[in-house]
N, C-alpha and C. Protein backbone atom coordinates (compact mmCIF):
# COMPACT_ATOMS: atom_id res chain seq x y z
N UNK A 1 23.30 -74.08 76.62
CA UNK A 1 24.19 -73.40 77.97
C UNK A 1 23.71 -74.83 78.94
N UNK A 2 24.71 -75.27 79.80
CA UNK A 2 24.91 -76.97 80.55
C UNK A 2 23.34 -76.64 81.60
N UNK A 3 22.51 -75.56 81.66
CA UNK A 3 21.30 -75.84 82.02
C UNK A 3 19.90 -75.73 81.77
N UNK A 4 20.05 -75.92 80.62
CA UNK A 4 18.62 -76.27 79.64
C UNK A 4 18.66 -78.04 79.84
N UNK A 5 17.58 -78.48 80.06
CA UNK A 5 17.45 -79.71 80.06
C UNK A 5 16.22 -80.12 79.11
N UNK A 6 16.06 -79.20 78.15
CA UNK A 6 15.37 -79.40 77.12
C UNK A 6 15.69 -80.03 75.91
N UNK A 7 15.70 -81.41 75.08
CA UNK A 7 16.23 -81.20 73.61
C UNK A 7 15.17 -82.28 73.07
N UNK A 8 15.56 -82.57 71.67
CA UNK A 8 15.11 -83.92 71.39
C UNK A 8 15.64 -84.99 71.66
N UNK A 9 16.92 -85.28 72.01
CA UNK A 9 17.64 -86.47 72.60
C UNK A 9 16.83 -86.75 74.10
N UNK A 10 16.58 -86.10 74.66
CA UNK A 10 15.42 -86.36 76.21
C UNK A 10 14.16 -87.25 75.44
N UNK A 11 13.42 -86.46 74.42
CA UNK A 11 12.75 -87.19 74.00
C UNK A 11 12.72 -89.10 73.20
N UNK A 12 14.17 -88.74 72.92
CA UNK A 12 14.60 -90.13 72.23
C UNK A 12 14.73 -90.82 73.00
N UNK A 13 15.58 -90.23 74.45
CA UNK A 13 15.75 -91.54 75.47
C UNK A 13 15.20 -92.15 76.35
N UNK A 14 13.33 -91.15 76.58
CA UNK A 14 12.59 -91.05 77.14
C UNK A 14 11.74 -92.96 75.94
N UNK A 15 12.11 -92.39 74.96
CA UNK A 15 10.95 -93.53 73.31
C UNK A 15 12.15 -94.51 73.74
N UNK A 16 13.28 -94.28 73.40
CA UNK A 16 14.11 -96.04 73.69
C UNK A 16 13.43 -96.85 75.28
N UNK A 17 13.70 -95.97 76.14
CA UNK A 17 12.58 -96.62 77.36
C UNK A 17 12.19 -97.21 77.48
N UNK A 18 10.48 -96.59 76.62
CA UNK A 18 9.19 -96.95 76.55
C UNK A 18 9.37 -98.29 75.71
N UNK A 19 10.53 -98.69 73.98
CA UNK A 19 10.17 -99.81 73.89
C UNK A 19 11.51 -100.26 74.75
N UNK A 20 12.03 -100.18 75.37
CA UNK A 20 13.05 -101.40 75.64
C UNK A 20 11.78 -101.86 77.02
N UNK A 21 10.82 -101.26 77.80
CA UNK A 21 10.34 -101.50 78.78
C UNK A 21 8.95 -102.60 78.50
N UNK A 22 8.63 -101.99 77.23
CA UNK A 22 7.41 -103.12 76.18
C UNK A 22 8.70 -104.62 75.93
N UNK A 23 9.93 -104.79 75.25
CA UNK A 23 10.44 -105.71 74.84
C UNK A 23 10.79 -106.50 75.55
N UNK A 24 11.12 -105.89 77.41
CA UNK A 24 12.33 -106.56 78.15
C UNK A 24 11.68 -106.64 79.68
N UNK A 25 10.20 -105.38 79.65
CA UNK A 25 9.42 -105.84 80.98
C UNK A 25 10.13 -104.79 81.37
N UNK A 26 9.09 -104.45 82.97
CA UNK A 26 9.39 -103.03 83.38
C UNK A 26 11.03 -103.31 84.15
N UNK A 27 10.81 -104.57 85.54
CA UNK A 27 12.17 -104.28 86.06
C UNK A 27 13.56 -104.21 85.28
N UNK A 28 13.37 -104.99 83.76
CA UNK A 28 14.71 -104.46 82.83
C UNK A 28 14.30 -102.62 82.84
N UNK A 29 13.39 -102.23 82.28
CA UNK A 29 13.76 -101.12 82.26
C UNK A 29 14.14 -99.79 83.29
N UNK A 30 13.67 -100.01 84.27
CA UNK A 30 13.60 -99.40 85.48
C UNK A 30 14.89 -99.93 86.02
N UNK A 31 15.77 -100.87 85.78
CA UNK A 31 17.12 -101.18 86.18
C UNK A 31 18.34 -100.46 85.45
N UNK A 32 17.87 -100.32 83.76
CA UNK A 32 19.21 -99.91 82.72
C UNK A 32 18.75 -98.46 82.43
N UNK A 33 17.89 -97.68 82.98
CA UNK A 33 17.49 -96.72 82.64
C UNK A 33 17.05 -95.25 83.68
N UNK A 34 15.66 -96.23 83.98
CA UNK A 34 15.07 -95.21 85.17
C UNK A 34 16.36 -95.34 86.43
N UNK A 35 17.00 -95.67 86.63
CA UNK A 35 17.71 -95.42 88.21
C UNK A 35 19.19 -95.31 87.62
N UNK A 36 19.28 -95.62 86.22
CA UNK A 36 20.51 -94.93 86.40
C UNK A 36 20.53 -93.22 85.70
N UNK A 37 19.04 -92.81 84.49
CA UNK A 37 18.80 -91.81 85.21
C UNK A 37 19.08 -91.16 86.48
N UNK A 38 18.42 -91.68 86.85
CA UNK A 38 18.30 -91.15 88.83
C UNK A 38 19.43 -90.85 88.76
N UNK A 39 20.68 -91.91 89.24
CA UNK A 39 22.23 -91.78 89.58
C UNK A 39 22.48 -90.25 89.08
N UNK A 40 22.42 -90.87 88.03
CA UNK A 40 23.18 -89.48 86.83
C UNK A 40 22.85 -88.20 87.89
N UNK A 41 21.28 -87.94 87.67
CA UNK A 41 21.21 -87.06 88.24
C UNK A 41 21.08 -86.32 89.43
N UNK A 42 20.75 -87.55 90.34
CA UNK A 42 21.60 -87.76 91.57
C UNK A 42 23.68 -86.82 91.74
N UNK A 43 24.26 -87.25 91.15
CA UNK A 43 25.40 -86.81 91.34
C UNK A 43 25.63 -85.49 90.28
N UNK A 44 24.66 -84.82 89.27
CA UNK A 44 24.77 -84.30 88.77
C UNK A 44 24.54 -82.87 89.84
N UNK A 45 23.08 -82.55 90.85
CA UNK A 45 23.01 -81.92 91.34
C UNK A 45 24.48 -82.20 92.82
N UNK A 46 25.18 -82.56 93.07
CA UNK A 46 25.98 -82.55 94.22
C UNK A 46 27.58 -82.46 93.51
N UNK A 47 27.29 -82.67 91.93
CA UNK A 47 28.72 -81.90 91.81
C UNK A 47 29.09 -80.00 91.93
N UNK A 48 30.62 -80.13 92.25
CA UNK A 48 31.09 -79.29 92.66
C UNK A 48 30.51 -77.52 91.92
N UNK A 49 30.40 -77.98 90.39
CA UNK A 49 30.46 -76.55 89.80
C UNK A 49 28.86 -76.34 89.54
N UNK A 50 27.97 -77.35 89.35
CA UNK A 50 26.50 -77.27 89.61
C UNK A 50 26.01 -76.06 91.56
N UNK A 51 26.97 -76.76 92.03
CA UNK A 51 26.76 -76.08 93.68
C UNK A 51 27.06 -74.79 93.46
N UNK A 52 28.50 -74.41 93.11
CA UNK A 52 28.98 -73.22 92.75
C UNK A 52 29.89 -73.06 91.76
N UNK A 53 28.76 -72.63 90.77
CA UNK A 53 29.16 -72.22 88.79
C UNK A 53 29.91 -71.08 88.47
N UNK A 54 30.02 -69.90 89.83
CA UNK A 54 31.12 -69.01 89.75
C UNK A 54 32.38 -69.80 90.08
N UNK A 55 32.87 -70.94 89.98
CA UNK A 55 34.14 -71.28 89.91
C UNK A 55 34.42 -71.99 88.69
N UNK A 56 33.55 -72.50 87.29
CA UNK A 56 33.00 -72.63 86.72
C UNK A 56 33.81 -71.70 85.42
N UNK A 57 33.27 -70.15 86.47
CA UNK A 57 33.71 -69.42 85.09
C UNK A 57 35.25 -68.78 85.47
N UNK A 58 35.80 -69.62 86.24
CA UNK A 58 37.35 -69.24 86.59
C UNK A 58 38.39 -70.12 85.53
N UNK A 59 37.62 -71.40 85.46
CA UNK A 59 38.25 -72.64 84.73
C UNK A 59 39.18 -71.50 83.46
N UNK A 60 40.15 -72.51 82.90
CA UNK A 60 40.39 -71.89 81.69
C UNK A 60 39.49 -72.46 80.68
N UNK A 61 39.53 -72.07 79.20
CA UNK A 61 38.42 -72.78 78.67
C UNK A 61 38.25 -74.08 78.15
N UNK A 62 38.76 -74.33 78.02
CA UNK A 62 39.11 -76.07 77.49
C UNK A 62 38.59 -76.93 78.65
N UNK A 63 38.88 -76.75 79.42
CA UNK A 63 38.66 -77.48 81.32
C UNK A 63 37.09 -77.22 81.41
N UNK A 64 36.81 -75.99 81.52
CA UNK A 64 35.54 -75.41 81.40
C UNK A 64 34.55 -75.99 80.24
N UNK A 65 34.96 -76.52 78.90
CA UNK A 65 34.33 -77.29 78.19
C UNK A 65 33.91 -78.58 77.99
N UNK A 66 35.18 -78.71 78.99
CA UNK A 66 34.93 -80.41 78.91
C UNK A 66 33.99 -80.21 80.20
N UNK A 67 33.89 -79.73 81.41
CA UNK A 67 32.78 -79.82 82.41
C UNK A 67 31.11 -79.55 81.87
N UNK A 68 31.41 -78.12 81.06
CA UNK A 68 29.99 -77.96 80.68
C UNK A 68 29.10 -79.45 79.99
N UNK A 69 30.19 -79.49 78.83
CA UNK A 69 29.61 -80.75 77.76
C UNK A 69 29.11 -81.73 78.61
N UNK A 70 29.57 -82.22 79.63
CA UNK A 70 29.53 -83.45 80.73
C UNK A 70 28.30 -83.05 80.96
N UNK A 71 27.94 -81.46 82.19
CA UNK A 71 26.73 -81.23 82.73
C UNK A 71 25.72 -81.11 81.81
N UNK A 72 25.57 -80.91 80.52
CA UNK A 72 24.72 -80.73 79.48
C UNK A 72 24.38 -81.97 78.90
N UNK A 73 24.74 -82.97 79.14
CA UNK A 73 24.55 -84.32 78.75
C UNK A 73 23.61 -84.79 79.80
N UNK A 74 24.36 -84.69 80.93
CA UNK A 74 23.13 -85.62 82.14
C UNK A 74 21.97 -84.85 82.23
N UNK A 75 21.89 -83.43 81.43
CA UNK A 75 21.11 -82.93 82.16
C UNK A 75 19.80 -83.15 80.54
N UNK A 76 19.87 -83.28 79.59
CA UNK A 76 19.66 -83.77 78.34
C UNK A 76 19.16 -85.41 78.23
N UNK A 77 19.95 -86.60 78.52
CA UNK A 77 20.12 -87.38 78.66
C UNK A 77 19.55 -88.43 79.83
N UNK A 78 19.49 -88.05 81.07
CA UNK A 78 19.30 -87.84 81.93
C UNK A 78 17.86 -87.20 82.77
N UNK A 79 17.99 -86.30 82.91
CA UNK A 79 17.06 -84.73 83.70
C UNK A 79 16.00 -84.92 82.41
N UNK A 80 16.24 -84.45 81.81
CA UNK A 80 14.64 -85.17 81.06
C UNK A 80 14.04 -85.69 80.77
N UNK A 81 14.74 -87.48 80.85
CA UNK A 81 13.38 -88.69 80.18
C UNK A 81 12.71 -88.69 81.92
N UNK A 82 13.88 -88.56 82.91
CA UNK A 82 13.02 -88.29 83.52
C UNK A 82 11.93 -87.41 84.50
N UNK A 83 12.19 -86.10 83.95
CA UNK A 83 10.98 -85.29 83.89
C UNK A 83 9.35 -85.59 82.81
N UNK A 84 10.31 -86.36 81.62
CA UNK A 84 8.96 -86.70 80.95
C UNK A 84 7.87 -87.75 81.84
N UNK A 85 8.96 -88.72 82.37
CA UNK A 85 7.95 -89.77 82.47
C UNK A 85 7.51 -89.32 83.82
N UNK A 86 8.21 -88.36 84.77
CA UNK A 86 7.19 -87.90 86.24
C UNK A 86 5.88 -87.07 85.34
N UNK A 87 6.10 -86.43 83.97
CA UNK A 87 5.00 -85.67 83.44
C UNK A 87 3.47 -86.87 82.99
N UNK A 88 4.30 -87.64 82.37
CA UNK A 88 3.57 -89.31 82.33
C UNK A 88 2.73 -89.41 83.24
N UNK A 89 3.62 -89.67 84.43
CA UNK A 89 2.89 -89.85 86.07
C UNK A 89 1.14 -89.26 86.16
N UNK A 90 1.90 -87.64 85.88
CA UNK A 90 0.57 -86.73 86.76
C UNK A 90 -0.32 -86.64 85.68
N UNK A 91 0.44 -86.73 84.25
CA UNK A 91 -1.35 -87.00 83.24
C UNK A 91 -1.99 -88.02 82.98
N UNK A 92 -1.48 -88.96 84.04
CA UNK A 92 -2.46 -90.65 84.01
C UNK A 92 -1.90 -91.98 83.37
N UNK A 93 -0.49 -91.62 82.84
CA UNK A 93 -0.17 -92.84 82.68
C UNK A 93 0.15 -92.41 81.45
N UNK A 94 1.48 -93.67 80.20
CA UNK A 94 1.61 -94.14 79.32
C UNK A 94 0.80 -93.96 78.53
N UNK A 95 -0.80 -93.90 77.74
CA UNK A 95 -1.59 -93.95 76.93
C UNK A 95 -1.81 -92.48 76.56
N UNK A 96 -2.40 -91.64 77.99
CA UNK A 96 -2.50 -90.33 78.17
C UNK A 96 -0.97 -89.33 77.34
N UNK A 97 0.14 -89.95 77.89
CA UNK A 97 1.22 -89.24 77.36
C UNK A 97 1.43 -89.55 75.82
N UNK A 98 1.26 -90.81 75.64
CA UNK A 98 1.06 -90.84 74.05
C UNK A 98 0.04 -89.86 72.85
N UNK A 99 -1.00 -89.79 73.63
CA UNK A 99 -1.79 -89.05 73.08
C UNK A 99 -1.14 -87.47 73.20
N UNK A 100 -0.83 -87.14 74.31
CA UNK A 100 0.13 -85.87 74.14
C UNK A 100 0.96 -85.76 73.39
N UNK A 101 1.98 -86.86 73.38
CA UNK A 101 2.93 -86.70 72.27
C UNK A 101 2.42 -86.38 70.70
N UNK A 102 1.15 -87.70 70.43
CA UNK A 102 0.88 -87.61 69.36
C UNK A 102 0.39 -86.41 68.87
N UNK A 103 -0.20 -85.70 69.71
CA UNK A 103 -0.79 -84.28 69.34
C UNK A 103 0.37 -83.06 68.69
N UNK A 104 1.43 -83.18 69.96
CA UNK A 104 2.25 -82.18 70.09
C UNK A 104 2.97 -82.44 68.30
N UNK A 105 3.37 -83.87 67.60
CA UNK A 105 4.28 -84.31 66.71
C UNK A 105 3.28 -84.05 65.37
N UNK A 106 2.26 -84.33 65.53
CA UNK A 106 1.47 -83.74 64.61
C UNK A 106 0.42 -82.57 64.47
N UNK A 107 0.71 -81.01 65.32
CA UNK A 107 0.66 -80.01 65.23
C UNK A 107 1.28 -79.06 64.06
N UNK A 108 0.31 -78.17 63.52
CA UNK A 108 1.08 -77.26 63.03
C UNK A 108 2.33 -76.64 62.86
N UNK A 109 2.85 -76.86 62.25
CA UNK A 109 4.73 -76.64 62.45
C UNK A 109 4.26 -74.74 62.11
N UNK A 110 5.31 -74.30 63.00
CA UNK A 110 5.63 -72.54 62.76
C UNK A 110 6.78 -72.94 62.18
N UNK A 111 7.49 -73.09 61.03
CA UNK A 111 8.50 -73.09 60.01
C UNK A 111 9.79 -71.78 60.21
N UNK A 112 8.67 -71.15 61.18
CA UNK A 112 9.82 -69.99 61.53
C UNK A 112 10.60 -70.11 63.24
N UNK A 113 10.14 -70.70 63.76
CA UNK A 113 10.33 -71.56 65.56
C UNK A 113 9.40 -73.12 65.05
N UNK A 114 10.44 -73.87 64.47
CA UNK A 114 9.57 -75.51 64.12
C UNK A 114 10.13 -75.92 65.44
N UNK A 115 10.77 -75.69 66.39
CA UNK A 115 11.43 -76.63 66.88
C UNK A 115 9.96 -76.48 68.30
N UNK A 116 9.56 -78.29 69.16
CA UNK A 116 8.94 -78.04 70.31
C UNK A 116 9.90 -77.32 70.87
N UNK A 117 8.90 -76.95 71.98
CA UNK A 117 9.75 -76.49 73.34
C UNK A 117 9.18 -76.72 74.38
N UNK A 118 9.77 -76.30 75.73
CA UNK A 118 9.33 -77.16 76.72
C UNK A 118 8.13 -76.35 77.19
N UNK A 119 8.30 -74.92 77.26
CA UNK A 119 6.77 -74.53 77.32
C UNK A 119 5.71 -75.50 76.58
N UNK A 120 5.85 -75.61 75.52
CA UNK A 120 5.23 -76.39 74.83
C UNK A 120 4.32 -77.21 75.17
N UNK A 121 5.68 -78.16 75.36
CA UNK A 121 5.28 -80.03 76.29
C UNK A 121 4.42 -79.70 77.63
N UNK A 122 4.70 -78.65 78.33
CA UNK A 122 4.26 -78.04 80.13
C UNK A 122 2.70 -78.01 79.79
N UNK A 123 2.12 -76.89 78.62
CA UNK A 123 1.75 -76.53 78.50
C UNK A 123 0.42 -77.65 77.29
N UNK A 124 1.08 -78.44 76.66
CA UNK A 124 0.04 -80.14 76.26
C UNK A 124 -0.33 -80.70 77.40
N UNK A 125 0.74 -80.53 78.53
CA UNK A 125 0.56 -81.57 79.69
C UNK A 125 -0.42 -81.08 81.04
N UNK A 126 -0.72 -79.72 80.43
CA UNK A 126 -1.08 -79.38 81.83
C UNK A 126 -0.56 -78.65 82.94
N UNK A 127 0.77 -79.18 82.66
CA UNK A 127 1.52 -78.97 83.70
C UNK A 127 2.33 -77.46 83.77
N UNK A 128 3.36 -77.03 84.98
CA UNK A 128 4.11 -75.87 85.52
C UNK A 128 5.69 -76.90 85.89
N UNK A 129 6.50 -76.18 85.04
CA UNK A 129 7.98 -76.85 85.56
C UNK A 129 8.02 -76.89 86.78
N UNK A 130 6.99 -76.21 88.16
CA UNK A 130 7.56 -76.71 89.01
C UNK A 130 6.58 -78.09 89.52
N UNK A 131 5.88 -78.98 88.52
CA UNK A 131 5.48 -79.95 88.55
C UNK A 131 5.91 -80.83 88.41
N UNK A 132 7.53 -80.44 87.43
CA UNK A 132 8.07 -81.77 86.97
C UNK A 132 9.48 -81.36 88.27
N UNK A 133 9.45 -80.45 89.10
CA UNK A 133 10.75 -80.97 89.65
C UNK A 133 11.28 -82.33 89.97
N UNK A 134 12.06 -82.14 90.43
CA UNK A 134 12.67 -83.54 90.56
C UNK A 134 13.09 -84.02 91.88
N UNK A 135 13.32 -82.75 92.49
CA UNK A 135 13.97 -82.74 93.75
C UNK A 135 13.04 -83.21 95.06
C-alpha cells in the first residue's frame, strides 16, 4: 500500500546517503539527499489525495494506480531514509546505527518470514513509531 513506509529500498537510499556523506562531505549529502527527501515528504503530506484519500478511491483505476505509485515512491525513497536518519540521531549516531544494522542483518533468519520488518527495526533501536514521527 502507498501508506507503507518500510522497504529494502529505503535502507538502500539511507546507505547511499551515508556513502556520499563519507565521499563528498556532510554539506553535499545534506543538500543532495536530506534536503531533497524532506521537500518530497513535505509535498507528500500536502498532497490532496493523502489528505483526502476518499477521493482517490473515486478515480478510474489507471489514474489511481499512477497516483498510488508516485505516493508510494515518496514514502519508501524519501520518508523512510529520513526516519532511519532520525533513528540514528536517537540511538547515538552513525556508529550506534551501524551496530544496530549489523546485528539486524547478521541475525538468525526465519525463512518463513525472512524480511526485516519495521517493528524489528524499531525494537532493535529501542524506539517506537511515534519516536520517528517526522511531524
